[in-house]
C-alpha atoms as a PDB file:
ATOM      1  CA  MET A   1     107.506 -74.902 200.434  1.00  0.00           C
ATOM      2  CA  LEU A   2     108.792 -76.151 203.754  1.00  0.00           C
ATOM      3  CA  ALA A   3     112.229 -76.830 202.279  1.00  0.00           C
ATOM      4  CA  THR A   4     112.341 -73.313 200.808  1.00  0.00           C
ATOM      5  CA  MET A   5     111.471 -71.751 204.160  1.00  0.00           C
ATOM      6  CA  ARG A   6     114.117 -73.881 205.870  1.00  0.00           C
ATOM      7  CA  ARG A   7     116.710 -72.834 203.309  1.00  0.00           C
ATOM      8  CA  HIS A   8     115.847 -69.151 203.755  1.00  0.00           C
ATOM      9  CA  GLY A   9     116.039 -69.582 207.503  1.00  0.00           C
ATOM     10  CA  LEU A  10     119.496 -71.119 207.265  1.00  0.00           C
ATOM     11  CA  ILE A  11     120.662 -68.283 204.998  1.00  0.00           C
ATOM     12  CA  LEU A  12     119.361 -65.666 207.444  1.00  0.00           C
ATOM     13  CA  ALA A  13     120.984 -67.497 210.358  1.00  0.00           C
ATOM     14  CA  PHE A  14     124.284 -67.654 208.465  1.00  0.00           C
ATOM     15  CA  PHE A  15     124.298 -63.943 207.696  1.00  0.00           C
ATOM     16  CA  GLY A  16     123.203 -63.136 211.251  1.00  0.00           C
ATOM     17  CA  ALA A  17     126.113 -65.143 212.653  1.00  0.00           C
ATOM     18  CA  LEU A  18     128.462 -63.554 210.116  1.00  0.00           C
ATOM     19  CA  MET A  19     127.442 -60.017 211.077  1.00  0.00           C
ATOM     20  CA  THR A  20     127.715 -60.847 214.788  1.00  0.00           C
ATOM     21  CA  GLY A  21     131.202 -62.212 214.229  1.00  0.00           C
ATOM     22  CA  MET A  22     132.250 -59.155 212.213  1.00  0.00           C
ATOM     23  CA  THR A  23     130.911 -56.818 214.903  1.00  0.00           C
ATOM     24  CA  ALA A  24     132.820 -58.706 217.595  1.00  0.00           C
ATOM     25  CA  LEU A  25     135.981 -58.595 215.487  1.00  0.00           C
ATOM     26  CA  VAL A  26     135.667 -54.834 214.913  1.00  0.00           C
ATOM     27  CA  ASN A  27     135.128 -54.271 218.640  1.00  0.00           C
ATOM     28  CA  LEU A  28     138.158 -56.403 219.439  1.00  0.00           C
ATOM     29  CA  MET A  29     140.327 -54.505 216.964  1.00  0.00           C
ATOM     30  CA  THR A  30     139.203 -51.010 218.017  1.00  0.00           C
ATOM     31  CA  LYS A  31     139.112 -51.561 221.802  1.00  0.00           C
ATOM     32  CA  PRO A  32     142.849 -50.835 222.361  1.00  0.00           C
ATOM     33  CA  THR A  33     142.573 -47.623 220.317  1.00  0.00           C
ATOM     34  CA  ILE A  34     139.502 -46.466 222.228  1.00  0.00           C
ATOM     35  CA  GLU A  35     141.157 -47.198 225.571  1.00  0.00           C
ATOM     36  CA  HIS A  36     144.305 -45.376 224.484  1.00  0.00           C
ATOM     37  CA  GLN A  37     142.316 -42.310 223.444  1.00  0.00           C
ATOM     38  CA  ALA A  38     140.458 -42.350 226.772  1.00  0.00           C
ATOM     39  CA  LEU A  39     143.770 -42.375 228.648  1.00  0.00           C
ATOM     40  CA  LEU A  40     145.064 -39.474 226.548  1.00  0.00           C
ATOM     41  CA  GLN A  41     141.912 -37.447 227.259  1.00  0.00           C
ATOM     42  CA  GLN A  42     142.236 -38.172 230.967  1.00  0.00           C
ATOM     43  CA  LYS A  43     145.901 -37.123 230.938  1.00  0.00           C
ATOM     44  CA  THR A  44     144.909 -33.863 229.227  1.00  0.00           C
ATOM     45  CA  LEU A  45     142.416 -33.155 232.014  1.00  0.00           C
ATOM     46  CA  PHE A  46     144.997 -33.959 234.679  1.00  0.00           C
ATOM     47  CA  ASP A  47     147.385 -31.502 233.051  1.00  0.00           C
ATOM     48  CA  GLN A  48     144.691 -28.825 233.307  1.00  0.00           C
ATOM     49  CA  VAL A  49     144.012 -29.256 237.014  1.00  0.00           C
ATOM     50  CA  ILE A  50     147.431 -30.031 238.513  1.00  0.00           C
ATOM     51  CA  PRO A  51     150.844 -28.667 237.453  1.00  0.00           C
ATOM     52  CA  ALA A  52     153.346 -31.255 236.254  1.00  0.00           C
ATOM     53  CA  SER A  53     155.926 -29.739 238.607  1.00  0.00           C
ATOM     54  CA  VAL A  54     153.929 -30.876 241.628  1.00  0.00           C
ATOM     55  CA  TYR A  55     154.417 -34.610 241.085  1.00  0.00           C
ATOM     56  CA  ASP A  56     156.676 -37.089 239.333  1.00  0.00           C
ATOM     57  CA  ASN A  57     154.660 -40.324 239.338  1.00  0.00           C
ATOM     58  CA  ASN A  58     152.122 -41.584 236.805  1.00  0.00           C
ATOM     59  CA  LEU A  59     148.783 -40.456 238.205  1.00  0.00           C
ATOM     60  CA  GLN A  60     146.849 -42.910 236.078  1.00  0.00           C
ATOM     61  CA  ASP A  61     148.699 -45.769 237.777  1.00  0.00           C
ATOM     62  CA  GLU A  62     147.798 -44.495 241.271  1.00  0.00           C
ATOM     63  CA  CYS A  63     144.019 -44.792 241.197  1.00  0.00           C
ATOM     64  CA  TYR A  64     142.055 -45.544 244.364  1.00  0.00           C
ATOM     65  CA  ASN A  65     138.367 -45.852 245.188  1.00  0.00           C
ATOM     66  CA  VAL A  66     137.308 -43.507 247.973  1.00  0.00           C
ATOM     67  CA  THR A  67     133.925 -43.188 249.622  1.00  0.00           C
ATOM     68  CA  ASP A  68     132.875 -40.115 251.554  1.00  0.00           C
ATOM     69  CA  GLU A  69     129.621 -38.168 251.642  1.00  0.00           C
ATOM     70  CA  SER A  70     131.561 -34.936 251.204  1.00  0.00           C
ATOM     71  CA  LEU A  71     132.187 -36.061 247.617  1.00  0.00           C
ATOM     72  CA  GLY A  72     128.497 -35.659 246.853  1.00  0.00           C
ATOM     73  CA  THR A  73     127.286 -39.250 246.802  1.00  0.00           C
ATOM     74  CA  ALA A  74     127.666 -42.366 248.923  1.00  0.00           C
ATOM     75  CA  THR A  75     129.089 -44.312 245.980  1.00  0.00           C
ATOM     76  CA  PRO A  76     132.842 -44.786 245.434  1.00  0.00           C
ATOM     77  CA  HIS A  77     134.729 -42.013 243.632  1.00  0.00           C
ATOM     78  CA  ARG A  78     138.061 -42.322 241.866  1.00  0.00           C
ATOM     79  CA  MET A  79     141.043 -40.595 243.434  1.00  0.00           C
ATOM     80  CA  TYR A  80     144.466 -40.303 241.815  1.00  0.00           C
ATOM     81  CA  LEU A  81     147.354 -39.890 244.230  1.00  0.00           C
ATOM     82  CA  ALA A  82     150.190 -37.534 243.279  1.00  0.00           C
ATOM     83  CA  ARG A  83     153.667 -38.300 244.601  1.00  0.00           C
ATOM     84  CA  LYS A  84     156.951 -36.421 244.575  1.00  0.00           C
ATOM     85  CA  ALA A  85     160.070 -38.523 245.086  1.00  0.00           C
ATOM     86  CA  GLY A  86     157.798 -41.263 246.377  1.00  0.00           C
ATOM     87  CA  LYS A  87     156.047 -39.065 248.950  1.00  0.00           C
ATOM     88  CA  PRO A  88     152.277 -38.419 248.617  1.00  0.00           C
ATOM     89  CA  VAL A  89     151.791 -34.683 248.099  1.00  0.00           C
ATOM     90  CA  ALA A  90     148.369 -34.138 246.523  1.00  0.00           C
ATOM     91  CA  ALA A  91     145.381 -35.825 244.932  1.00  0.00           C
ATOM     92  CA  VAL A  92     143.050 -35.484 241.978  1.00  0.00           C
ATOM     93  CA  VAL A  93     139.491 -36.559 242.752  1.00  0.00           C
ATOM     94  CA  GLU A  94     136.440 -37.256 240.621  1.00  0.00           C
ATOM     95  CA  THR A  95     133.725 -35.666 242.716  1.00  0.00           C
ATOM     96  CA  THR A  96     130.037 -34.752 242.479  1.00  0.00           C
ATOM     97  CA  ALA A  97     128.096 -31.558 243.032  1.00  0.00           C
ATOM     98  CA  PRO A  98     124.680 -33.157 243.673  1.00  0.00           C
ATOM     99  CA  ASP A  99     122.730 -29.895 243.816  1.00  0.00           C
ATOM    100  CA  GLY A 100     123.133 -28.425 240.347  1.00  0.00           C
ATOM    101  CA  TYR A 101     120.147 -26.705 238.771  1.00  0.00           C
ATOM    102  CA  SER A 102     119.525 -29.588 236.351  1.00  0.00           C
ATOM    103  CA  GLY A 103     120.946 -32.421 238.403  1.00  0.00           C
ATOM    104  CA  ALA A 104     124.315 -33.675 239.530  1.00  0.00           C
ATOM    105  CA  ILE A 105     127.485 -32.105 238.128  1.00  0.00           C
ATOM    106  CA  GLN A 106     130.545 -34.324 237.838  1.00  0.00           C
ATOM    107  CA  LEU A 107     133.853 -32.573 238.556  1.00  0.00           C
ATOM    108  CA  LEU A 108     137.568 -33.209 238.680  1.00  0.00           C
ATOM    109  CA  VAL A 109     139.305 -31.414 241.574  1.00  0.00           C
ATOM    110  CA  ALA A 110     142.999 -31.319 242.435  1.00  0.00           C
ATOM    111  CA  ALA A 111     144.462 -30.052 245.709  1.00  0.00           C
ATOM    112  CA  ASP A 112     147.309 -30.685 248.113  1.00  0.00           C
ATOM    113  CA  PHE A 113     146.835 -31.863 251.691  1.00  0.00           C
ATOM    114  CA  ASN A 114     146.834 -28.314 253.101  1.00  0.00           C
ATOM    115  CA  GLY A 115     143.755 -27.058 251.318  1.00  0.00           C
ATOM    116  CA  ASN A 116     145.568 -25.473 248.375  1.00  0.00           C
ATOM    117  CA  VAL A 117     143.479 -26.016 245.250  1.00  0.00           C
ATOM    118  CA  TYR A 118     145.374 -26.508 242.007  1.00  0.00           C
ATOM    119  CA  GLY A 119     142.388 -26.566 239.703  1.00  0.00           C
ATOM    120  CA  SER A 120     139.038 -28.009 238.717  1.00  0.00           C
ATOM    121  CA  ARG A 121     137.219 -29.019 235.547  1.00  0.00           C
ATOM    122  CA  VAL A 122     133.738 -30.247 234.658  1.00  0.00           C
ATOM    123  CA  LEU A 123     133.479 -33.885 233.600  1.00  0.00           C
ATOM    124  CA  GLU A 124     129.724 -33.959 233.014  1.00  0.00           C
ATOM    125  CA  GLN A 125     126.871 -31.491 233.411  1.00  0.00           C
ATOM    126  CA  HIS A 126     123.315 -30.900 232.199  1.00  0.00           C
ATOM    127  CA  GLU A 127     122.902 -27.251 233.166  1.00  0.00           C
ATOM    128  CA  THR A 128     120.890 -24.721 231.181  1.00  0.00           C
ATOM    129  CA  PRO A 129     122.647 -23.723 227.941  1.00  0.00           C
ATOM    130  CA  GLY A 130     123.675 -20.069 227.978  1.00  0.00           C
ATOM    131  CA  LEU A 131     123.335 -19.857 231.768  1.00  0.00           C
ATOM    132  CA  GLY A 132     124.602 -22.650 233.990  1.00  0.00           C
ATOM    133  CA  ASP A 133     126.816 -24.178 231.340  1.00  0.00           C
ATOM    134  CA  LYS A 134     129.300 -21.338 231.879  1.00  0.00           C
ATOM    135  CA  ILE A 135     131.019 -23.711 234.299  1.00  0.00           C
ATOM    136  CA  GLU A 136     132.446 -25.372 231.171  1.00  0.00           C
ATOM    137  CA  VAL A 137     135.934 -24.115 230.334  1.00  0.00           C
ATOM    138  CA  ARG A 138     135.084 -24.131 226.617  1.00  0.00           C
ATOM    139  CA  ILE A 139     132.421 -21.492 227.303  1.00  0.00           C
ATOM    140  CA  SER A 140     133.991 -19.306 230.000  1.00  0.00           C
ATOM    141  CA  ASP A 141     137.048 -19.174 232.261  1.00  0.00           C
ATOM    142  CA  TRP A 142     134.962 -19.074 235.451  1.00  0.00           C
ATOM    143  CA  ILE A 143     136.050 -22.490 236.699  1.00  0.00           C
ATOM    144  CA  LYS A 144     139.717 -21.522 236.316  1.00  0.00           C
ATOM    145  CA  HIS A 145     139.345 -19.133 239.257  1.00  0.00           C
ATOM    146  CA  PHE A 146     139.639 -21.982 241.756  1.00  0.00           C
ATOM    147  CA  ALA A 147     143.298 -22.425 240.880  1.00  0.00           C
ATOM    148  CA  ASN A 148     145.715 -21.199 243.557  1.00  0.00           C
ATOM    149  CA  GLN A 149     142.940 -20.607 246.082  1.00  0.00           C
ATOM    150  CA  THR A 150     143.135 -22.087 249.584  1.00  0.00           C
ATOM    151  CA  VAL A 151     140.396 -23.586 251.745  1.00  0.00           C
ATOM    152  CA  ASN A 152     141.082 -22.561 255.332  1.00  0.00           C
ATOM    153  CA  GLY A 153     138.846 -25.103 257.030  1.00  0.00           C
ATOM    154  CA  ALA A 154     135.160 -25.917 256.811  1.00  0.00           C
ATOM    155  CA  SER A 155     134.185 -22.505 258.202  1.00  0.00           C
ATOM    156  CA  ASP A 156     135.995 -20.563 255.455  1.00  0.00           C
ATOM    157  CA  ALA A 157     133.154 -18.238 254.395  1.00  0.00           C
ATOM    158  CA  ARG A 158     135.095 -16.980 251.386  1.00  0.00           C
ATOM    159  CA  TRP A 159     134.232 -20.212 249.604  1.00  0.00           C
ATOM    160  CA  ALA A 160     130.834 -19.097 248.376  1.00  0.00           C
ATOM    161  CA  VAL A 161     129.441 -17.027 245.518  1.00  0.00           C
ATOM    162  CA  LYS A 162     129.457 -13.265 246.034  1.00  0.00           C
ATOM    163  CA  LYS A 163     125.681 -13.250 246.460  1.00  0.00           C
ATOM    164  CA  ASP A 164     126.252 -15.349 249.595  1.00  0.00           C
ATOM    165  CA  GLY A 165     129.146 -13.207 250.821  1.00  0.00           C
ATOM    166  CA  GLY A 166     131.911 -15.226 249.190  1.00  0.00           C
ATOM    167  CA  MET A 167     134.638 -14.470 246.652  1.00  0.00           C
ATOM    168  CA  PHE A 168     133.385 -16.258 243.536  1.00  0.00           C
ATOM    169  CA  ASP A 169     131.217 -14.706 240.849  1.00  0.00           C
ATOM    170  CA  GLN A 170     127.773 -16.065 240.151  1.00  0.00           C
ATOM    171  CA  PHE A 171     126.216 -15.998 236.687  1.00  0.00           C
ATOM    172  CA  THR A 172     123.580 -13.505 235.643  1.00  0.00           C
ATOM    173  CA  GLY A 173     120.292 -15.360 235.944  1.00  0.00           C
ATOM    174  CA  ALA A 174     121.969 -18.494 237.285  1.00  0.00           C
ATOM    175  CA  THR A 175     123.217 -18.677 240.860  1.00  0.00           C
ATOM    176  CA  ILE A 176     122.355 -22.269 241.717  1.00  0.00           C
ATOM    177  CA  THR A 177     124.923 -23.815 239.370  1.00  0.00           C
ATOM    178  CA  PRO A 178     128.024 -21.873 240.466  1.00  0.00           C
ATOM    179  CA  ARG A 179     126.935 -22.159 244.095  1.00  0.00           C
ATOM    180  CA  ALA A 180     126.809 -25.950 243.765  1.00  0.00           C
ATOM    181  CA  VAL A 181     130.243 -26.095 242.124  1.00  0.00           C
ATOM    182  CA  VAL A 182     131.894 -23.819 244.699  1.00  0.00           C
ATOM    183  CA  ARG A 183     130.531 -25.933 247.533  1.00  0.00           C
ATOM    184  CA  SER A 184     131.677 -29.144 245.881  1.00  0.00           C
ATOM    185  CA  VAL A 185     135.215 -27.904 245.210  1.00  0.00           C
ATOM    186  CA  LYS A 186     135.491 -26.717 248.814  1.00  0.00           C
ATOM    187  CA  ARG A 187     134.225 -30.004 250.247  1.00  0.00           C
ATOM    188  CA  THR A 188     136.504 -32.004 247.975  1.00  0.00           C
ATOM    189  CA  ALA A 189     139.568 -29.956 248.944  1.00  0.00           C
ATOM    190  CA  LEU A 190     138.739 -30.574 252.605  1.00  0.00           C
ATOM    191  CA  PHE A 191     138.384 -34.292 251.887  1.00  0.00           C
ATOM    192  CA  ILE A 192     141.773 -34.366 250.157  1.00  0.00           C
ATOM    193  CA  GLY A 193     143.225 -32.912 253.349  1.00  0.00           C
ATOM    194  CA  THR A 194     142.187 -36.116 255.135  1.00  0.00           C
ATOM    195  CA  VAL A 195     143.879 -38.434 252.628  1.00  0.00           C
ATOM    196  CA  PRO A 196     147.226 -38.783 254.476  1.00  0.00           C
ATOM    197  CA  SER A 197     145.410 -40.408 257.387  1.00  0.00           C
ATOM    198  CA  GLN A 198     143.792 -42.914 254.988  1.00  0.00           C
ATOM    199  CA  LEU A 199     146.856 -43.978 253.017  1.00  0.00           C
ATOM    200  CA  SER A 200     147.281 -47.313 254.759  1.00  0.00           C
ATOM    201  CA  HIS A 201     143.821 -48.569 253.816  1.00  0.00           C
ATOM    202  CA  LEU A 202     143.099 -47.104 250.391  1.00  0.00           C
ATOM    203  CA  THR A 203     141.449 -49.488 247.933  1.00  0.00           C
ATOM    204  CA  PRO A 204     143.032 -49.558 244.451  1.00  0.00           C
ATOM    205  CA  CYS A 205     140.645 -49.043 241.532  1.00  0.00           C
ATOM    206  CA  GLY A 206     139.495 -52.373 240.229  1.00  0.00           C
ATOM    207  CA  ALA A 207     140.047 -54.139 243.539  1.00  0.00           C
ATOM    208  CA  ARG A 208     137.333 -55.312 245.850  1.00  0.00           C
ATOM    209  CA  ASP A 209     137.134 -53.791 249.301  1.00  0.00           C
ATOM    210  CA  GLU A 210     136.674 -56.996 251.316  1.00  0.00           C
END
């Protein structure tokens, strides 16, 4: 009886090790494909928020970690620096609107250093379906209205929803969500305006800020 149990245990251990090895092998084989697809999806988003004519470098190779409370949280955010003929001209920033109706909204915002916004897209949101989720470009074109708008300083009152005296539409039955996004895009554009003064001490993504 004991020998039978030992034999069964060895068989189970063998198959367990075999399945673990197969899983590891599959992960190893599919990892490059998954990473490649992620890069393609990111490039597609970049193309939606910043015109290709603005820059001539590879944005994905110019990633930096930036930390500023204006980006919605105290944790590092990724910033991609756009260059033209080697000169920094704009940036694309992963930013956070912390005050959405159903929690934080993750955004991608592109602007030059003079407050000119090229575009914005939602990276992640948990807003109410049929109401707050209209910030998604697949549902409405509301978020496209940031393109070609300019933030004229922190006191620019136009950067608000119309209910608050600004120039952006709110949603019927849902003002909190668009209000949070408008504020975040404005704050992020203002942050991007400070980037030229930070160029000498930016921390590349993946590097430790000692």
